[in-house]
Amino acid sequence: MQEGTKIVFVAVDGGRWELGDWYNDFDAKAPPVEAGTGPQSAWPAPLASSAIDVGLVRGLAKGGAIPAKTAADIEAIDDGWFECVQKVWKEGRAEADKIEATQAPLNDKYGKLSGVAKKYELKAEQTCAPIVKKLDEALTRFIEARDTERKAIFDKAKARTSSIAR
């Protein structure tokens, strides 16, 4: 008996559904799984898992599900954001180093260092906002294009499945 095994169903539109823990001895803990498609009223809605981030785009490319160039283009924007933030924080680290080098009491240093962190957090948000917007737009375009493809696959599979006996 192997416990703790996960079963993942891949929907015709590319969505992935995890069926918790599966137990090979089919005891009371095992969820029921029936052969066939089941009634359409029980089917999950298409495109139920459209949200995606840079890490998921990278994974899809690594798995060959999307072109490597698509992921590379999105990753390049994400890398630009990282470089922008690092450039802003470099200035903040220099300011923090000056504070730490003083002979001030630790409580005073801590208060000033907290202010520096907040200052450069806000500065990074403002300075890097155009890159974040560009990344958001690229991810949105990717999601919308992928959703269109997934919906077409789902509609075709739904029509075919509906035409065959269960």
N, C-alpha and C. Protein backbone atom coordinates (compact mmCIF):
# COMPACT_ATOMS: atom_id res chain seq x y z
N MET A 1 0.85 -1.18 0.00
CA MET A 1 0.00 0.00 0.00
C MET A 1 0.89 1.24 0.00
N GLN A 2 0.58 2.17 -0.86
CA GLN A 2 1.32 3.43 -0.91
C GLN A 2 0.37 4.55 -0.54
N GLU A 3 0.67 5.25 0.54
CA GLU A 3 -0.19 6.33 0.98
C GLU A 3 0.42 7.67 0.61
N GLY A 4 -0.44 8.68 0.50
CA GLY A 4 0.04 10.03 0.24
C GLY A 4 0.30 10.32 -1.21
N THR A 5 -0.16 9.47 -2.11
CA THR A 5 0.04 9.69 -3.53
C THR A 5 -0.99 10.69 -4.03
N LYS A 6 -0.58 11.58 -4.88
CA LYS A 6 -1.49 12.56 -5.45
C LYS A 6 -1.88 12.14 -6.86
N ILE A 7 -3.12 12.38 -7.21
CA ILE A 7 -3.59 12.17 -8.58
C ILE A 7 -3.92 13.54 -9.14
N VAL A 8 -3.42 13.83 -10.31
CA VAL A 8 -3.69 15.10 -10.96
C VAL A 8 -4.40 14.81 -12.28
N PHE A 9 -5.59 15.36 -12.44
CA PHE A 9 -6.32 15.27 -13.69
C PHE A 9 -6.01 16.51 -14.50
N VAL A 10 -5.72 16.32 -15.77
CA VAL A 10 -5.48 17.45 -16.65
C VAL A 10 -6.72 17.59 -17.52
N ALA A 11 -7.41 18.71 -17.39
CA ALA A 11 -8.63 18.95 -18.15
C ALA A 11 -8.29 19.21 -19.61
N VAL A 12 -9.30 19.03 -20.47
CA VAL A 12 -9.05 19.21 -21.90
C VAL A 12 -8.63 20.63 -22.24
N ASP A 13 -8.92 21.59 -21.38
CA ASP A 13 -8.51 22.97 -21.67
C ASP A 13 -7.15 23.29 -21.06
N GLY A 14 -6.47 22.29 -20.49
CA GLY A 14 -5.15 22.51 -19.91
C GLY A 14 -5.16 22.78 -18.42
N GLY A 15 -6.34 22.93 -17.83
CA GLY A 15 -6.42 23.13 -16.39
C GLY A 15 -5.99 21.87 -15.66
N ARG A 16 -5.48 22.03 -14.48
CA ARG A 16 -5.02 20.88 -13.69
C ARG A 16 -5.82 20.83 -12.39
N TRP A 17 -6.24 19.64 -12.04
CA TRP A 17 -7.07 19.45 -10.86
C TRP A 17 -6.44 18.36 -10.01
N GLU A 18 -6.17 18.65 -8.77
CA GLU A 18 -5.53 17.70 -7.88
C GLU A 18 -6.58 17.01 -7.04
N LEU A 19 -6.53 15.68 -7.02
CA LEU A 19 -7.47 14.89 -6.24
C LEU A 19 -6.78 14.46 -4.96
N GLY A 20 -6.49 15.38 -4.09
CA GLY A 20 -5.96 15.13 -2.77
C GLY A 20 -5.08 13.90 -2.64
N ASP A 21 -5.11 13.29 -1.49
CA ASP A 21 -4.36 12.07 -1.24
C ASP A 21 -5.18 10.87 -1.72
N TRP A 22 -4.51 9.94 -2.34
CA TRP A 22 -5.16 8.76 -2.86
C TRP A 22 -4.58 7.54 -2.13
N TYR A 23 -5.41 6.64 -1.75
CA TYR A 23 -4.97 5.46 -1.02
C TYR A 23 -5.25 4.21 -1.85
N ASN A 24 -4.26 3.39 -2.05
CA ASN A 24 -4.39 2.21 -2.90
C ASN A 24 -5.26 1.11 -2.31
N ASP A 25 -5.53 1.13 -1.03
CA ASP A 25 -6.33 0.06 -0.45
C ASP A 25 -7.83 0.36 -0.51
N PHE A 26 -8.20 1.48 -1.10
CA PHE A 26 -9.61 1.85 -1.29
C PHE A 26 -10.41 1.78 0.01
N ASP A 27 -9.82 2.21 1.09
CA ASP A 27 -10.55 2.22 2.35
C ASP A 27 -11.45 3.46 2.41
N ALA A 28 -11.96 3.74 3.55
CA ALA A 28 -12.91 4.84 3.70
C ALA A 28 -12.29 6.20 3.39
N LYS A 29 -10.97 6.28 3.41
CA LYS A 29 -10.31 7.54 3.13
C LYS A 29 -10.25 7.85 1.64
N ALA A 30 -10.44 6.86 0.81
CA ALA A 30 -10.29 7.05 -0.63
C ALA A 30 -11.49 7.77 -1.22
N PRO A 31 -11.26 8.83 -1.97
CA PRO A 31 -12.38 9.51 -2.62
C PRO A 31 -12.88 8.67 -3.80
N PRO A 32 -14.17 8.72 -4.08
CA PRO A 32 -14.69 7.91 -5.20
C PRO A 32 -14.27 8.50 -6.54
N VAL A 33 -13.93 7.63 -7.45
CA VAL A 33 -13.61 8.03 -8.82
C VAL A 33 -14.37 7.09 -9.73
N GLU A 34 -15.17 7.66 -10.62
CA GLU A 34 -15.98 6.86 -11.52
C GLU A 34 -15.46 7.02 -12.94
N ALA A 35 -15.58 5.97 -13.73
CA ALA A 35 -15.20 6.04 -15.14
C ALA A 35 -16.22 6.88 -15.88
N GLY A 36 -15.79 7.51 -16.93
CA GLY A 36 -16.69 8.30 -17.77
C GLY A 36 -16.59 9.78 -17.47
N THR A 37 -17.34 10.53 -18.23
CA THR A 37 -17.25 11.98 -18.12
C THR A 37 -18.16 12.56 -17.06
N GLY A 38 -19.15 11.80 -16.64
CA GLY A 38 -20.10 12.33 -15.68
C GLY A 38 -21.02 13.34 -16.34
N PRO A 39 -22.03 13.80 -15.62
CA PRO A 39 -22.95 14.77 -16.22
C PRO A 39 -22.26 16.12 -16.44
N GLN A 40 -22.64 16.79 -17.51
CA GLN A 40 -22.02 18.08 -17.81
C GLN A 40 -22.21 19.09 -16.69
N SER A 41 -23.29 18.95 -15.94
CA SER A 41 -23.52 19.87 -14.83
C SER A 41 -22.44 19.75 -13.75
N ALA A 42 -21.73 18.62 -13.73
CA ALA A 42 -20.67 18.41 -12.74
C ALA A 42 -19.29 18.78 -13.28
N TRP A 43 -19.21 19.13 -14.55
CA TRP A 43 -17.91 19.48 -15.13
C TRP A 43 -17.44 20.81 -14.56
N PRO A 44 -16.16 20.95 -14.34
CA PRO A 44 -15.66 22.26 -13.90
C PRO A 44 -15.80 23.27 -15.03
N ALA A 45 -15.95 24.51 -14.66
CA ALA A 45 -16.04 25.56 -15.67
C ALA A 45 -14.71 25.64 -16.43
N PRO A 46 -14.76 25.92 -17.73
CA PRO A 46 -13.50 26.08 -18.45
C PRO A 46 -12.76 27.32 -17.95
N LEU A 47 -11.47 27.28 -18.05
CA LEU A 47 -10.62 28.42 -17.70
C LEU A 47 -10.69 28.77 -16.22
N ALA A 48 -10.92 27.77 -15.39
CA ALA A 48 -11.04 28.02 -13.96
C ALA A 48 -9.71 28.37 -13.32
N SER A 49 -8.61 28.07 -13.98
CA SER A 49 -7.31 28.36 -13.39
C SER A 49 -6.44 29.13 -14.38
N SER A 50 -6.83 30.36 -14.66
CA SER A 50 -6.12 31.17 -15.64
C SER A 50 -4.97 31.98 -15.06
N ALA A 51 -5.01 32.23 -13.77
CA ALA A 51 -3.99 33.09 -13.16
C ALA A 51 -2.61 32.47 -13.37
N ILE A 52 -1.65 33.32 -13.63
CA ILE A 52 -0.30 32.84 -13.93
C ILE A 52 0.70 33.91 -13.53
N ASP A 53 1.89 33.49 -13.18
CA ASP A 53 2.96 34.43 -12.87
C ASP A 53 4.20 34.03 -13.66
N VAL A 54 5.29 34.74 -13.45
CA VAL A 54 6.51 34.49 -14.20
C VAL A 54 7.01 33.06 -13.96
N GLY A 55 6.94 32.60 -12.74
CA GLY A 55 7.39 31.24 -12.43
C GLY A 55 6.60 30.18 -13.18
N LEU A 56 5.29 30.35 -13.29
CA LEU A 56 4.47 29.40 -14.03
C LEU A 56 4.75 29.46 -15.52
N VAL A 57 4.99 30.66 -16.04
CA VAL A 57 5.34 30.79 -17.45
C VAL A 57 6.65 30.03 -17.70
N ARG A 58 7.61 30.20 -16.82
CA ARG A 58 8.89 29.50 -16.93
C ARG A 58 8.67 27.98 -16.93
N GLY A 59 7.82 27.50 -16.03
CA GLY A 59 7.52 26.08 -15.96
C GLY A 59 6.84 25.55 -17.20
N LEU A 60 5.90 26.32 -17.75
CA LEU A 60 5.23 25.90 -18.98
C LEU A 60 6.22 25.79 -20.14
N ALA A 61 7.15 26.73 -20.20
CA ALA A 61 8.16 26.69 -21.26
C ALA A 61 9.09 25.50 -21.06
N LYS A 62 9.49 25.26 -19.83
CA LYS A 62 10.39 24.14 -19.54
C LYS A 62 9.73 22.82 -19.91
N GLY A 63 8.44 22.73 -19.70
CA GLY A 63 7.69 21.52 -20.04
C GLY A 63 7.30 21.43 -21.51
N GLY A 64 7.64 22.45 -22.28
CA GLY A 64 7.33 22.43 -23.71
C GLY A 64 5.89 22.79 -24.04
N ALA A 65 5.15 23.31 -23.07
CA ALA A 65 3.75 23.65 -23.30
C ALA A 65 3.58 24.99 -24.01
N ILE A 66 4.59 25.83 -23.95
CA ILE A 66 4.57 27.11 -24.66
C ILE A 66 5.95 27.31 -25.28
N PRO A 67 6.04 28.19 -26.28
CA PRO A 67 7.35 28.44 -26.88
C PRO A 67 8.33 29.05 -25.88
N ALA A 68 9.57 28.62 -25.96
CA ALA A 68 10.62 29.13 -25.06
C ALA A 68 10.77 30.64 -25.20
N LYS A 69 10.58 31.18 -26.41
CA LYS A 69 10.72 32.62 -26.63
C LYS A 69 9.67 33.40 -25.85
N THR A 70 8.47 32.87 -25.73
CA THR A 70 7.42 33.53 -24.97
C THR A 70 7.87 33.71 -23.52
N ALA A 71 8.38 32.65 -22.94
CA ALA A 71 8.86 32.72 -21.57
C ALA A 71 10.07 33.64 -21.46
N ALA A 72 10.98 33.56 -22.42
CA ALA A 72 12.18 34.40 -22.39
C ALA A 72 11.81 35.88 -22.43
N ASP A 73 10.82 36.24 -23.24
CA ASP A 73 10.39 37.65 -23.34
C ASP A 73 9.83 38.13 -22.00
N ILE A 74 9.01 37.31 -21.36
CA ILE A 74 8.42 37.70 -20.08
C ILE A 74 9.49 37.72 -18.99
N GLU A 75 10.38 36.74 -19.01
CA GLU A 75 11.46 36.71 -18.02
C GLU A 75 12.39 37.91 -18.17
N ALA A 76 12.60 38.38 -19.39
CA ALA A 76 13.46 39.55 -19.60
C ALA A 76 12.85 40.79 -18.93
N ILE A 77 11.55 40.93 -19.02
CA ILE A 77 10.89 42.07 -18.36
C ILE A 77 11.03 41.92 -16.85
N ASP A 78 10.82 40.70 -16.34
CA ASP A 78 10.95 40.44 -14.91
C ASP A 78 12.38 40.71 -14.44
N ASP A 79 13.35 40.33 -15.25
CA ASP A 79 14.76 40.61 -14.92
C ASP A 79 15.01 42.12 -14.86
N GLY A 80 14.38 42.86 -15.77
CA GLY A 80 14.50 44.32 -15.76
C GLY A 80 13.96 44.91 -14.47
N TRP A 81 12.84 44.36 -13.99
CA TRP A 81 12.28 44.82 -12.72
C TRP A 81 13.26 44.54 -11.59
N PHE A 82 13.82 43.34 -11.56
CA PHE A 82 14.76 42.98 -10.51
C PHE A 82 15.97 43.92 -10.52
N GLU A 83 16.50 44.20 -11.69
CA GLU A 83 17.65 45.11 -11.80
C GLU A 83 17.29 46.51 -11.33
N CYS A 84 16.10 46.98 -11.65
CA CYS A 84 15.65 48.30 -11.22
C CYS A 84 15.59 48.37 -9.70
N VAL A 85 14.99 47.36 -9.09
CA VAL A 85 14.87 47.34 -7.63
C VAL A 85 16.26 47.27 -6.99
N GLN A 86 17.14 46.47 -7.54
CA GLN A 86 18.49 46.36 -6.99
C GLN A 86 19.23 47.69 -7.07
N LYS A 87 19.03 48.42 -8.15
CA LYS A 87 19.68 49.73 -8.31
C LYS A 87 19.18 50.71 -7.24
N VAL A 88 17.88 50.72 -7.01
CA VAL A 88 17.31 51.59 -5.98
C VAL A 88 17.83 51.19 -4.60
N TRP A 89 17.82 49.89 -4.30
CA TRP A 89 18.26 49.43 -2.99
C TRP A 89 19.76 49.62 -2.77
N LYS A 90 20.52 49.69 -3.82
CA LYS A 90 21.96 49.94 -3.67
C LYS A 90 22.17 51.30 -2.98
N GLU A 91 21.40 52.28 -3.41
CA GLU A 91 21.45 53.61 -2.80
C GLU A 91 20.99 53.53 -1.34
N GLY A 92 19.94 52.76 -1.09
CA GLY A 92 19.43 52.60 0.28
C GLY A 92 20.42 51.89 1.19
N ARG A 93 21.12 50.89 0.65
CA ARG A 93 22.12 50.18 1.45
C ARG A 93 23.25 51.13 1.84
N ALA A 94 23.63 52.02 0.93
CA ALA A 94 24.70 52.97 1.25
C ALA A 94 24.26 53.89 2.40
N GLU A 95 23.02 54.34 2.35
CA GLU A 95 22.50 55.18 3.43
C GLU A 95 22.42 54.41 4.75
N ALA A 96 21.99 53.15 4.68
CA ALA A 96 21.90 52.33 5.88
C ALA A 96 23.29 52.06 6.46
N ASP A 97 24.27 51.84 5.61
CA ASP A 97 25.65 51.60 6.08
C ASP A 97 26.18 52.80 6.86
N LYS A 98 25.85 54.01 6.40
CA LYS A 98 26.29 55.21 7.11
C LYS A 98 25.67 55.28 8.51
N ILE A 99 24.41 54.91 8.61
CA ILE A 99 23.72 54.92 9.90
C ILE A 99 24.34 53.89 10.83
N GLU A 100 24.58 52.69 10.30
CA GLU A 100 25.15 51.63 11.13
C GLU A 100 26.56 51.96 11.60
N ALA A 101 27.27 52.77 10.84
CA ALA A 101 28.65 53.12 11.19
C ALA A 101 28.74 54.18 12.29
N THR A 102 27.63 54.79 12.63
CA THR A 102 27.65 55.84 13.67
C THR A 102 27.75 55.21 15.05
N GLN A 103 28.04 56.06 16.03
CA GLN A 103 28.13 55.62 17.42
C GLN A 103 26.80 55.80 18.16
N ALA A 104 25.73 56.02 17.43
CA ALA A 104 24.41 56.25 18.05
C ALA A 104 23.94 54.99 18.79
N PRO A 105 23.07 55.17 19.78
CA PRO A 105 22.50 54.01 20.49
C PRO A 105 21.72 53.11 19.51
N LEU A 106 21.64 51.82 19.83
CA LEU A 106 20.99 50.86 18.94
C LEU A 106 19.54 51.23 18.64
N ASN A 107 18.81 51.72 19.63
CA ASN A 107 17.42 52.10 19.39
C ASN A 107 17.32 53.21 18.35
N ASP A 108 18.21 54.17 18.43
CA ASP A 108 18.22 55.27 17.45
C ASP A 108 18.54 54.73 16.06
N LYS A 109 19.54 53.85 16.01
CA LYS A 109 19.92 53.27 14.71
C LYS A 109 18.75 52.48 14.11
N TYR A 110 18.10 51.69 14.97
CA TYR A 110 16.99 50.86 14.49
C TYR A 110 15.88 51.74 13.91
N GLY A 111 15.55 52.80 14.60
CA GLY A 111 14.51 53.71 14.10
C GLY A 111 14.88 54.33 12.77
N LYS A 112 16.12 54.79 12.65
CA LYS A 112 16.57 55.38 11.39
C LYS A 112 16.62 54.34 10.27
N LEU A 113 17.09 53.14 10.59
CA LEU A 113 17.16 52.08 9.58
C LEU A 113 15.77 51.68 9.09
N SER A 114 14.80 51.67 10.00
CA SER A 114 13.42 51.37 9.59
C SER A 114 12.91 52.42 8.62
N GLY A 115 13.26 53.68 8.87
CA GLY A 115 12.87 54.76 7.97
C GLY A 115 13.52 54.64 6.61
N VAL A 116 14.78 54.23 6.60
CA VAL A 116 15.49 54.04 5.32
C VAL A 116 14.82 52.93 4.51
N ALA A 117 14.49 51.84 5.18
CA ALA A 117 13.84 50.72 4.48
C ALA A 117 12.53 51.17 3.83
N LYS A 118 11.72 51.89 4.58
CA LYS A 118 10.43 52.35 4.05
C LYS A 118 10.64 53.34 2.90
N LYS A 119 11.59 54.25 3.08
CA LYS A 119 11.88 55.25 2.05
C LYS A 119 12.24 54.59 0.72
N TYR A 120 13.11 53.59 0.77
CA TYR A 120 13.57 52.97 -0.47
C TYR A 120 12.58 51.94 -1.01
N GLU A 121 11.75 51.42 -0.15
CA GLU A 121 10.67 50.56 -0.63
C GLU A 121 9.72 51.39 -1.50
N LEU A 122 9.35 52.58 -0.99
CA LEU A 122 8.47 53.47 -1.76
C LEU A 122 9.16 53.98 -3.03
N LYS A 123 10.45 54.29 -2.91
CA LYS A 123 11.19 54.77 -4.08
C LYS A 123 11.26 53.68 -5.16
N ALA A 124 11.47 52.43 -4.74
CA ALA A 124 11.52 51.32 -5.70
C ALA A 124 10.17 51.15 -6.39
N GLU A 125 9.09 51.25 -5.63
CA GLU A 125 7.76 51.14 -6.22
C GLU A 125 7.54 52.21 -7.28
N GLN A 126 7.94 53.45 -6.98
CA GLN A 126 7.74 54.56 -7.91
C GLN A 126 8.69 54.46 -9.11
N THR A 127 9.95 54.21 -8.84
CA THR A 127 10.95 54.17 -9.90
C THR A 127 10.70 53.01 -10.86
N CYS A 128 10.32 51.88 -10.33
CA CYS A 128 10.18 50.67 -11.14
C CYS A 128 8.74 50.44 -11.63
N ALA A 129 7.84 51.36 -11.35
CA ALA A 129 6.44 51.21 -11.74
C ALA A 129 6.26 50.98 -13.24
N PRO A 130 6.99 51.68 -14.12
CA PRO A 130 6.82 51.42 -15.55
C PRO A 130 7.16 49.98 -15.94
N ILE A 131 8.14 49.40 -15.29
CA ILE A 131 8.52 48.02 -15.60
C ILE A 131 7.45 47.06 -15.08
N VAL A 132 6.93 47.34 -13.89
CA VAL A 132 5.86 46.50 -13.33
C VAL A 132 4.65 46.56 -14.25
N LYS A 133 4.33 47.74 -14.76
CA LYS A 133 3.20 47.88 -15.68
C LYS A 133 3.45 47.07 -16.95
N LYS A 134 4.66 47.14 -17.47
CA LYS A 134 5.01 46.38 -18.67
C LYS A 134 4.89 44.88 -18.42
N LEU A 135 5.33 44.42 -17.25
CA LEU A 135 5.22 43.00 -16.90
C LEU A 135 3.75 42.60 -16.76
N ASP A 136 2.96 43.41 -16.09
CA ASP A 136 1.53 43.13 -15.95
C ASP A 136 0.86 43.01 -17.32
N GLU A 137 1.20 43.93 -18.20
CA GLU A 137 0.61 43.90 -19.55
C GLU A 137 1.03 42.65 -20.32
N ALA A 138 2.30 42.27 -20.22
CA ALA A 138 2.79 41.07 -20.91
C ALA A 138 2.11 39.81 -20.37
N LEU A 139 1.99 39.73 -19.05
CA LEU A 139 1.32 38.57 -18.46
C LEU A 139 -0.16 38.53 -18.84
N THR A 140 -0.80 39.69 -18.86
CA THR A 140 -2.21 39.75 -19.24
C THR A 140 -2.41 39.30 -20.68
N ARG A 141 -1.55 39.77 -21.59
CA ARG A 141 -1.64 39.33 -22.99
C ARG A 141 -1.45 37.82 -23.09
N PHE A 142 -0.47 37.31 -22.35
CA PHE A 142 -0.21 35.88 -22.37
C PHE A 142 -1.42 35.10 -21.87
N ILE A 143 -1.99 35.53 -20.75
CA ILE A 143 -3.15 34.85 -20.17
C ILE A 143 -4.33 34.88 -21.14
N GLU A 144 -4.59 36.05 -21.73
CA GLU A 144 -5.73 36.16 -22.64
C GLU A 144 -5.56 35.28 -23.87
N ALA A 145 -4.36 35.23 -24.44
CA ALA A 145 -4.11 34.38 -25.60
C ALA A 145 -4.23 32.90 -25.22
N ARG A 146 -3.69 32.56 -24.07
CA ARG A 146 -3.76 31.16 -23.62
C ARG A 146 -5.20 30.78 -23.31
N ASP A 147 -5.96 31.68 -22.70
CA ASP A 147 -7.37 31.41 -22.42
C ASP A 147 -8.16 31.17 -23.70
N THR A 148 -7.88 31.95 -24.74
CA THR A 148 -8.56 31.77 -26.02
C THR A 148 -8.27 30.38 -26.58
N GLU A 149 -7.02 29.97 -26.53
CA GLU A 149 -6.65 28.63 -27.00
C GLU A 149 -7.31 27.54 -26.16
N ARG A 150 -7.25 27.70 -24.84
CA ARG A 150 -7.84 26.70 -23.95
C ARG A 150 -9.34 26.60 -24.13
N LYS A 151 -10.02 27.73 -24.31
CA LYS A 151 -11.47 27.72 -24.49
C LYS A 151 -11.85 27.01 -25.78
N ALA A 152 -11.09 27.23 -26.85
CA ALA A 152 -11.36 26.55 -28.12
C ALA A 152 -11.19 25.04 -27.98
N ILE A 153 -10.14 24.62 -27.28
CA ILE A 153 -9.92 23.19 -27.05
C ILE A 153 -11.06 22.62 -26.22
N PHE A 154 -11.44 23.33 -25.17
CA PHE A 154 -12.52 22.87 -24.31
C PHE A 154 -13.82 22.73 -25.08
N ASP A 155 -14.16 23.74 -25.88
CA ASP A 155 -15.41 23.70 -26.65
C ASP A 155 -15.43 22.52 -27.62
N LYS A 156 -14.31 22.28 -28.28
CA LYS A 156 -14.21 21.16 -29.22
C LYS A 156 -14.36 19.83 -28.48
N ALA A 157 -13.68 19.70 -27.35
CA ALA A 157 -13.75 18.46 -26.58
C ALA A 157 -15.14 18.26 -25.98
N LYS A 158 -15.76 19.34 -25.55
CA LYS A 158 -17.11 19.25 -24.97
C LYS A 158 -18.10 18.77 -26.04
N ALA A 159 -17.99 19.34 -27.23
CA ALA A 159 -18.89 18.93 -28.31
C ALA A 159 -18.68 17.46 -28.65
N ARG A 160 -17.43 17.04 -28.73
CA ARG A 160 -17.12 15.65 -29.06
C ARG A 160 -17.59 14.72 -27.94
N THR A 161 -17.32 15.08 -26.72
CA THR A 161 -17.71 14.22 -25.58
C THR A 161 -19.23 14.12 -25.48
N SER A 162 -19.92 15.20 -25.78
CA SER A 162 -21.37 15.21 -25.71
C SER A 162 -21.98 14.30 -26.80
N SER A 163 -21.25 14.09 -27.88
CA SER A 163 -21.78 13.31 -28.98
C SER A 163 -21.57 11.80 -28.82
N ILE A 164 -20.74 11.41 -27.86
CA ILE A 164 -20.50 9.97 -27.67
C ILE A 164 -21.23 9.48 -26.44
N ALA A 165 -21.49 8.20 -26.41
CA ALA A 165 -22.22 7.62 -25.26
C ALA A 165 -21.35 7.59 -24.04
N ARG A 166 -21.97 7.74 -22.91
CA ARG A 166 -21.23 7.69 -21.62
C ARG A 166 -21.25 6.30 -21.09
